N, C-alpha and C. Protein backbone atom coordinates (compact mmCIF):
# COMPACT_ATOMS: atom_id res chain seq x y z
N MET A 1 9.82 45.22 120.12
CA MET A 1 9.29 44.20 121.00
C MET A 1 10.10 44.13 122.29
N LYS A 2 11.46 44.26 122.13
CA LYS A 2 12.31 44.22 123.31
C LYS A 2 12.02 45.41 124.22
N LYS A 3 11.75 46.57 123.61
CA LYS A 3 11.47 47.76 124.40
C LYS A 3 10.18 47.58 125.20
N PHE A 4 9.18 46.96 124.58
CA PHE A 4 7.90 46.73 125.24
C PHE A 4 8.06 45.81 126.44
N ILE A 5 8.79 44.71 126.28
CA ILE A 5 9.01 43.75 127.37
C ILE A 5 9.84 44.40 128.47
N LEU A 6 10.88 45.15 128.07
CA LEU A 6 11.73 45.83 129.04
C LEU A 6 10.93 46.87 129.83
N ALA A 7 10.02 47.58 129.19
CA ALA A 7 9.19 48.57 129.86
C ALA A 7 8.21 47.89 130.83
N ALA A 8 7.66 46.74 130.45
CA ALA A 8 6.74 46.01 131.33
C ALA A 8 7.46 45.50 132.57
N VAL A 9 8.66 44.96 132.40
CA VAL A 9 9.43 44.47 133.54
C VAL A 9 9.81 45.62 134.46
N ALA A 10 10.22 46.75 133.90
CA ALA A 10 10.58 47.91 134.70
C ALA A 10 9.38 48.44 135.47
N ALA A 11 8.21 48.46 134.85
CA ALA A 11 7.00 48.94 135.52
C ALA A 11 6.60 48.01 136.66
N SER A 12 6.77 46.70 136.46
CA SER A 12 6.43 45.76 137.52
C SER A 12 7.39 45.86 138.70
N LEU A 13 8.66 46.14 138.44
CA LEU A 13 9.62 46.31 139.52
C LEU A 13 9.36 47.59 140.30
N VAL A 14 8.93 48.64 139.62
CA VAL A 14 8.65 49.91 140.29
C VAL A 14 7.36 49.79 141.11
N ALA A 15 6.36 49.08 140.61
CA ALA A 15 5.07 48.98 141.28
C ALA A 15 5.08 48.00 142.45
N THR A 16 6.03 47.08 142.50
CA THR A 16 6.05 46.05 143.54
C THR A 16 6.18 46.62 144.94
N PRO A 17 7.11 47.54 145.25
CA PRO A 17 7.19 48.06 146.61
C PRO A 17 5.95 48.86 147.02
N VAL A 18 5.25 49.47 146.08
CA VAL A 18 4.07 50.24 146.40
C VAL A 18 2.92 49.32 146.80
N LEU A 19 2.77 48.19 146.11
CA LEU A 19 1.66 47.28 146.38
C LEU A 19 1.89 46.44 147.62
N ALA A 20 3.13 46.04 147.88
CA ALA A 20 3.41 45.18 149.02
C ALA A 20 3.51 46.03 150.27
N ALA A 21 2.78 45.66 151.31
CA ALA A 21 2.83 46.41 152.56
C ALA A 21 3.94 45.81 153.41
N ALA A 22 5.04 46.51 153.50
CA ALA A 22 6.19 46.03 154.27
C ALA A 22 5.96 46.33 155.74
N PRO A 23 6.37 45.41 156.62
CA PRO A 23 6.22 45.67 158.05
C PRO A 23 7.09 46.84 158.48
N GLN A 24 6.61 47.62 159.42
CA GLN A 24 7.33 48.80 159.87
C GLN A 24 8.29 48.42 160.99
N HIS A 25 9.54 48.76 160.85
CA HIS A 25 10.57 48.55 161.86
C HIS A 25 10.67 47.10 162.30
N GLY A 26 10.45 46.17 161.41
CA GLY A 26 10.62 44.75 161.71
C GLY A 26 9.45 44.13 162.46
N ARG A 27 8.38 44.92 162.72
CA ARG A 27 7.21 44.36 163.41
C ARG A 27 6.19 43.87 162.40
N PRO A 28 5.52 42.77 162.70
CA PRO A 28 4.48 42.30 161.77
C PRO A 28 3.30 43.27 161.78
N PRO A 29 2.50 43.30 160.71
CA PRO A 29 1.34 44.20 160.68
C PRO A 29 0.32 43.80 161.74
N VAL A 30 -0.38 44.77 162.28
CA VAL A 30 -1.36 44.54 163.34
C VAL A 30 -2.63 43.97 162.72
N GLN A 31 -3.12 42.88 163.31
CA GLN A 31 -4.36 42.26 162.84
C GLN A 31 -5.46 42.63 163.82
N GLN A 32 -6.59 43.04 163.28
CA GLN A 32 -7.71 43.41 164.13
C GLN A 32 -8.54 42.17 164.42
N GLN A 33 -8.97 42.05 165.68
CA GLN A 33 -9.79 40.92 166.08
C GLN A 33 -11.18 41.42 166.43
N VAL A 34 -12.17 40.67 166.02
CA VAL A 34 -13.56 41.01 166.32
C VAL A 34 -14.06 40.01 167.34
N VAL A 35 -14.56 40.52 168.46
CA VAL A 35 -15.09 39.67 169.52
C VAL A 35 -16.60 39.77 169.50
N VAL A 36 -17.28 38.64 169.38
CA VAL A 36 -18.74 38.60 169.36
C VAL A 36 -19.19 37.95 170.66
N LYS A 37 -20.02 38.67 171.41
CA LYS A 37 -20.53 38.14 172.67
C LYS A 37 -22.01 37.86 172.52
N LYS A 38 -22.45 36.71 173.03
CA LYS A 38 -23.85 36.36 173.02
C LYS A 38 -24.48 36.75 174.35
N LYS A 39 -25.70 37.22 174.28
CA LYS A 39 -26.42 37.55 175.49
C LYS A 39 -27.08 36.27 176.01
N VAL A 40 -26.76 35.91 177.22
CA VAL A 40 -27.29 34.70 177.81
C VAL A 40 -28.39 35.07 178.79
N VAL A 41 -29.55 34.47 178.62
CA VAL A 41 -30.67 34.72 179.51
C VAL A 41 -30.70 33.59 180.53
N VAL A 42 -30.57 33.96 181.79
CA VAL A 42 -30.52 32.97 182.86
C VAL A 42 -31.92 32.82 183.44
N THR A 43 -32.40 31.61 183.48
CA THR A 43 -33.68 31.32 184.08
C THR A 43 -33.50 30.19 185.07
N LYS A 44 -34.54 29.90 185.81
CA LYS A 44 -34.47 28.79 186.75
C LYS A 44 -34.36 27.48 185.98
N PRO A 45 -33.72 26.48 186.55
CA PRO A 45 -33.60 25.20 185.85
C PRO A 45 -34.98 24.61 185.55
N GLY A 46 -35.14 24.12 184.35
CA GLY A 46 -36.40 23.51 183.95
C GLY A 46 -37.37 24.46 183.28
N TYR A 47 -37.15 25.78 183.41
CA TYR A 47 -38.02 26.75 182.77
C TYR A 47 -37.40 27.22 181.46
N ARG A 48 -38.23 27.74 180.57
CA ARG A 48 -37.74 28.17 179.26
C ARG A 48 -38.24 29.55 178.92
N ASN A 49 -37.53 30.19 178.02
CA ASN A 49 -38.00 31.41 177.38
C ASN A 49 -38.49 31.00 176.00
N TRP A 50 -39.75 31.27 175.73
CA TRP A 50 -40.36 30.79 174.49
C TRP A 50 -40.10 31.75 173.35
N ARG A 51 -40.02 31.18 172.13
CA ARG A 51 -39.84 31.96 170.90
C ARG A 51 -40.83 31.47 169.85
N LYS A 52 -41.15 32.36 168.94
CA LYS A 52 -42.09 32.05 167.86
C LYS A 52 -41.53 30.89 167.02
N GLY A 53 -42.40 29.94 166.69
CA GLY A 53 -42.00 28.81 165.86
C GLY A 53 -41.62 27.57 166.64
N GLU A 54 -41.38 27.70 167.94
CA GLU A 54 -41.05 26.53 168.75
C GLU A 54 -42.32 25.77 169.12
N ARG A 55 -42.13 24.53 169.55
CA ARG A 55 -43.26 23.74 170.02
C ARG A 55 -43.42 23.99 171.52
N PHE A 56 -44.63 24.36 171.93
CA PHE A 56 -44.90 24.67 173.33
C PHE A 56 -45.14 23.39 174.11
N ASP A 57 -44.48 23.29 175.25
CA ASP A 57 -44.66 22.14 176.14
C ASP A 57 -44.97 22.69 177.53
N SER A 58 -46.13 22.37 178.05
CA SER A 58 -46.57 22.95 179.32
C SER A 58 -45.70 22.51 180.49
N ARG A 59 -44.95 21.43 180.35
CA ARG A 59 -44.10 20.97 181.46
C ARG A 59 -42.98 21.96 181.76
N TYR A 60 -42.57 22.76 180.76
CA TYR A 60 -41.47 23.69 180.94
C TYR A 60 -41.94 25.13 181.13
N ALA A 61 -43.22 25.33 181.36
CA ALA A 61 -43.78 26.67 181.52
C ALA A 61 -43.98 26.96 183.01
N ARG A 62 -43.70 28.21 183.40
CA ARG A 62 -43.97 28.64 184.77
C ARG A 62 -45.41 29.11 184.84
N ASN A 63 -46.11 28.76 185.90
CA ASN A 63 -47.50 29.20 186.13
C ASN A 63 -48.38 28.90 184.92
N TYR A 64 -48.30 27.71 184.38
CA TYR A 64 -49.05 27.37 183.17
C TYR A 64 -50.54 27.34 183.45
N ARG A 65 -51.29 28.04 182.62
CA ARG A 65 -52.75 27.95 182.62
C ARG A 65 -53.26 28.61 181.36
N GLN A 66 -54.45 28.21 180.94
CA GLN A 66 -55.08 28.85 179.78
C GLN A 66 -55.72 30.14 180.27
N ILE A 67 -55.55 31.24 179.51
CA ILE A 67 -56.06 32.53 179.96
C ILE A 67 -57.08 33.08 178.98
N ASP A 68 -57.92 33.97 179.49
CA ASP A 68 -58.94 34.64 178.68
C ASP A 68 -58.38 36.00 178.25
N TYR A 69 -58.33 36.25 176.96
CA TYR A 69 -57.71 37.46 176.42
C TYR A 69 -58.44 38.73 176.87
N ARG A 70 -59.72 38.64 177.22
CA ARG A 70 -60.50 39.81 177.58
C ARG A 70 -60.08 40.41 178.92
N HIS A 71 -59.38 39.65 179.73
CA HIS A 71 -58.97 40.14 181.04
C HIS A 71 -57.63 40.86 181.02
N TYR A 72 -56.97 40.88 179.87
CA TYR A 72 -55.63 41.46 179.80
C TYR A 72 -55.56 42.48 178.68
N ARG A 73 -55.01 43.65 179.01
CA ARG A 73 -54.89 44.73 178.04
C ARG A 73 -53.84 44.36 176.99
N GLY A 74 -54.13 44.65 175.74
CA GLY A 74 -53.16 44.41 174.67
C GLY A 74 -53.33 43.08 173.96
N LEU A 75 -54.14 42.19 174.49
CA LEU A 75 -54.37 40.90 173.83
C LEU A 75 -55.64 40.97 173.01
N LYS A 76 -55.52 40.60 171.76
CA LYS A 76 -56.68 40.56 170.87
C LYS A 76 -57.27 39.16 170.87
N ALA A 77 -58.43 39.01 170.28
CA ALA A 77 -59.06 37.70 170.20
C ALA A 77 -58.17 36.77 169.39
N PRO A 78 -57.92 35.56 169.89
CA PRO A 78 -57.06 34.64 169.15
C PRO A 78 -57.76 34.14 167.89
N PRO A 79 -57.01 33.87 166.83
CA PRO A 79 -57.62 33.32 165.63
C PRO A 79 -58.19 31.92 165.90
N ARG A 80 -59.02 31.46 165.01
CA ARG A 80 -59.60 30.13 165.17
C ARG A 80 -58.48 29.09 165.18
N GLY A 81 -58.52 28.19 166.16
CA GLY A 81 -57.52 27.14 166.26
C GLY A 81 -56.34 27.50 167.15
N TYR A 82 -56.37 28.68 167.79
CA TYR A 82 -55.32 29.12 168.69
C TYR A 82 -55.91 29.48 170.05
N ARG A 83 -55.05 29.51 171.07
CA ARG A 83 -55.46 29.94 172.40
C ARG A 83 -54.27 30.60 173.09
N TYR A 84 -54.58 31.41 174.08
CA TYR A 84 -53.54 32.04 174.89
C TYR A 84 -53.29 31.19 176.12
N VAL A 85 -52.02 31.01 176.45
CA VAL A 85 -51.66 30.34 177.69
C VAL A 85 -50.66 31.22 178.42
N GLN A 86 -50.59 31.05 179.73
CA GLN A 86 -49.67 31.81 180.55
C GLN A 86 -48.43 30.99 180.82
N SER A 87 -47.27 31.63 180.71
CA SER A 87 -45.99 31.04 181.10
C SER A 87 -45.22 32.13 181.83
N GLY A 88 -45.24 32.09 183.15
CA GLY A 88 -44.63 33.16 183.93
C GLY A 88 -45.45 34.42 183.77
N ASN A 89 -44.82 35.52 183.35
CA ASN A 89 -45.52 36.78 183.09
C ASN A 89 -45.81 36.98 181.62
N ASP A 90 -45.60 35.97 180.81
CA ASP A 90 -45.78 36.07 179.37
C ASP A 90 -47.10 35.43 178.95
N ALA A 91 -47.71 36.02 177.93
CA ALA A 91 -48.86 35.42 177.28
C ALA A 91 -48.36 34.83 175.97
N VAL A 92 -48.63 33.54 175.76
CA VAL A 92 -48.12 32.82 174.60
C VAL A 92 -49.30 32.37 173.77
N LEU A 93 -49.31 32.73 172.47
CA LEU A 93 -50.36 32.31 171.55
C LEU A 93 -49.94 30.99 170.92
N VAL A 94 -50.69 29.92 171.22
CA VAL A 94 -50.30 28.57 170.84
C VAL A 94 -51.39 27.94 169.98
N GLY A 95 -50.96 27.22 168.93
CA GLY A 95 -51.91 26.45 168.13
C GLY A 95 -52.44 25.27 168.94
N ILE A 96 -53.73 25.06 168.91
CA ILE A 96 -54.34 24.02 169.76
C ILE A 96 -53.90 22.63 169.34
N THR A 97 -53.93 22.33 168.05
CA THR A 97 -53.61 20.97 167.61
C THR A 97 -52.12 20.73 167.42
N SER A 98 -51.39 21.74 166.96
CA SER A 98 -49.97 21.53 166.67
C SER A 98 -49.07 21.86 167.85
N GLY A 99 -49.47 22.81 168.69
CA GLY A 99 -48.63 23.22 169.80
C GLY A 99 -47.52 24.18 169.40
N ILE A 100 -47.57 24.68 168.16
CA ILE A 100 -46.55 25.61 167.68
C ILE A 100 -46.90 27.02 168.17
N ILE A 101 -45.88 27.76 168.62
CA ILE A 101 -46.07 29.11 169.15
C ILE A 101 -46.18 30.09 167.99
N ALA A 102 -47.27 30.85 167.97
CA ALA A 102 -47.48 31.86 166.93
C ALA A 102 -46.98 33.23 167.36
N ALA A 103 -47.06 33.53 168.67
CA ALA A 103 -46.60 34.83 169.17
C ALA A 103 -46.33 34.73 170.66
N VAL A 104 -45.43 35.56 171.14
CA VAL A 104 -45.14 35.67 172.56
C VAL A 104 -45.28 37.13 172.96
N PHE A 105 -46.11 37.39 173.95
CA PHE A 105 -46.30 38.74 174.46
C PHE A 105 -45.63 38.80 175.84
N ALA A 106 -44.41 39.32 175.86
CA ALA A 106 -43.61 39.35 177.08
C ALA A 106 -44.19 40.37 178.05
N GLY A 107 -44.34 39.96 179.29
CA GLY A 107 -44.80 40.86 180.34
C GLY A 107 -46.24 41.28 180.22
N ALA A 108 -47.07 40.56 179.50
CA ALA A 108 -48.46 40.94 179.30
C ALA A 108 -49.29 40.66 180.55
N ILE A 109 -48.83 39.76 181.39
CA ILE A 109 -49.58 39.39 182.59
C ILE A 109 -48.81 39.90 183.80
N ARG A 110 -49.47 40.68 184.62
CA ARG A 110 -48.79 41.25 185.80
C ARG A 110 -49.31 40.69 187.06
């Protein structure tokens, strides 16, 4: 039993320097830093960039008007209960009663 305990203690003493990372030449270990940058979209004050799921408010839209999908390439017929509106150069598919944005087609209107 004494031999077993003595062997375990000896093994732990031998393994300790291998597992512990000692600083080199008295300097602390180098820590890596990760920098995350957000992309900021700058628009004129009062205007917004629309995203799917947001509530559309015509007061914050540039060049707001209801548009006909047949006059613009790439726009399909809106589903029942939706309509296309213009906000700047974007075509926004908005629910008529809820005002929730279903899709945004960036640059669809030239």
